[in-house]
Amino acid sequence: MVRMQVQLSEQQVEMLRGRAAREHASVSELVRRAVNAWIGNQPETSPSERCRRAIEATGRFASDKQDVAERHDEYLADAFGQ
């Protein structure tokens, strides 16, 4: 196994410790289970499939903005309300 350092919120740690105690498992074991469950739910896509999807998306969206290439960071921040 590979040792990793992960930062969690206090609430996440409390919840993990409580569940670990109830399940008689370590926090590390619960994290490994969660990662495996997440990985198992991710669809496998090949590089060629990702490329095909990217090409398919090209030109599908329009904007009245003429300066998106120069100001994309500003527009993105505005879209997320920052």
Protein backbone atom coordinates (compact mmCIF):
# COMPACT_ATOMS: atom_id res chain seq x y z
CA MET A 1 0.00 0.00 0.00
CA VAL A 2 0.99 3.61 -0.50
CA ARG A 3 0.83 6.01 2.43
CA MET A 4 -0.92 9.31 1.65
CA GLN A 5 -1.76 12.40 3.59
CA VAL A 6 -5.32 13.70 3.12
CA GLN A 7 -6.88 16.72 4.75
CA LEU A 8 -10.48 16.42 5.93
CA SER A 9 -12.78 18.77 7.78
CA GLU A 10 -13.40 18.26 11.49
CA GLN A 11 -16.95 17.15 10.71
CA GLN A 12 -15.74 14.58 8.17
CA VAL A 13 -13.26 13.15 10.67
CA GLU A 14 -15.90 12.93 13.41
CA MET A 15 -18.31 11.15 11.09
CA LEU A 16 -15.62 8.76 9.85
CA ARG A 17 -14.46 7.91 13.36
CA GLY A 18 -18.02 7.27 14.49
CA ARG A 19 -18.75 5.01 11.56
CA ALA A 20 -15.42 3.22 11.94
CA ALA A 21 -16.26 2.47 15.57
CA ARG A 22 -19.72 1.17 14.65
CA GLU A 23 -18.31 -1.04 11.89
CA HIS A 24 -15.24 -2.15 13.87
CA ALA A 25 -13.02 -0.90 11.05
CA SER A 26 -10.26 1.66 10.76
CA VAL A 27 -10.81 5.10 9.28
CA SER A 28 -8.28 4.14 6.60
CA GLU A 29 -10.35 1.09 5.67
CA LEU A 30 -13.47 3.22 5.30
CA VAL A 31 -11.60 5.69 3.10
CA ARG A 32 -10.31 2.83 0.91
CA ARG A 33 -13.86 1.46 0.59
CA ALA A 34 -15.20 4.89 -0.37
CA VAL A 35 -12.48 5.38 -2.98
CA ASN A 36 -13.16 1.93 -4.44
CA ALA A 37 -16.90 2.66 -4.60
CA TRP A 38 -16.26 6.00 -6.31
CA ILE A 39 -13.84 4.49 -8.82
CA GLY A 40 -16.30 1.69 -9.55
CA ASN A 41 -19.02 4.22 -10.39
CA GLN A 42 -16.90 6.13 -12.89
CA PRO A 43 -17.47 5.24 -16.52
CA GLU A 44 -14.37 4.11 -18.35
CA THR A 45 -13.65 6.27 -21.39
CA SER A 46 -10.79 5.74 -23.76
CA PRO A 47 -8.63 8.62 -24.95
CA SER A 48 -10.17 8.30 -28.42
CA GLU A 49 -13.69 8.51 -26.92
CA ARG A 50 -12.76 11.63 -24.94
CA CYS A 51 -11.29 13.15 -28.11
CA ARG A 52 -14.44 12.31 -30.08
CA ARG A 53 -16.62 13.96 -27.41
CA ALA A 54 -14.46 17.08 -27.36
CA ILE A 55 -14.60 17.42 -31.13
CA GLU A 56 -18.37 16.84 -31.06
CA ALA A 57 -18.79 19.67 -28.53
CA THR A 58 -16.82 22.13 -30.66
CA GLY A 59 -19.01 24.93 -31.92
CA ARG A 60 -22.12 23.80 -30.02
CA PHE A 61 -22.18 26.82 -27.75
CA ALA A 62 -22.48 30.46 -28.68
CA SER A 63 -22.06 33.73 -26.87
CA ASP A 64 -22.66 37.33 -27.72
CA LYS A 65 -19.25 38.09 -26.22
CA GLN A 66 -16.47 38.80 -28.66
CA ASP A 67 -13.60 38.75 -26.16
CA VAL A 68 -14.02 35.38 -24.43
CA ALA A 69 -10.55 34.20 -25.40
CA GLU A 70 -8.97 37.18 -23.63
CA ARG A 71 -11.33 37.51 -20.62
CA HIS A 72 -12.36 33.89 -19.96
CA ASP A 73 -11.21 34.00 -16.32
CA GLU A 74 -13.37 37.04 -15.60
CA TYR A 75 -16.42 35.49 -17.25
CA LEU A 76 -15.93 32.25 -15.33
CA ALA A 77 -15.62 34.10 -12.02
CA ASP A 78 -18.81 36.05 -12.84
CA ALA A 79 -20.64 32.81 -13.69
CA PHE A 80 -19.71 31.35 -10.29
CA GLY A 81 -20.57 34.59 -8.49
CA GLN A 82 -17.05 35.37 -7.32
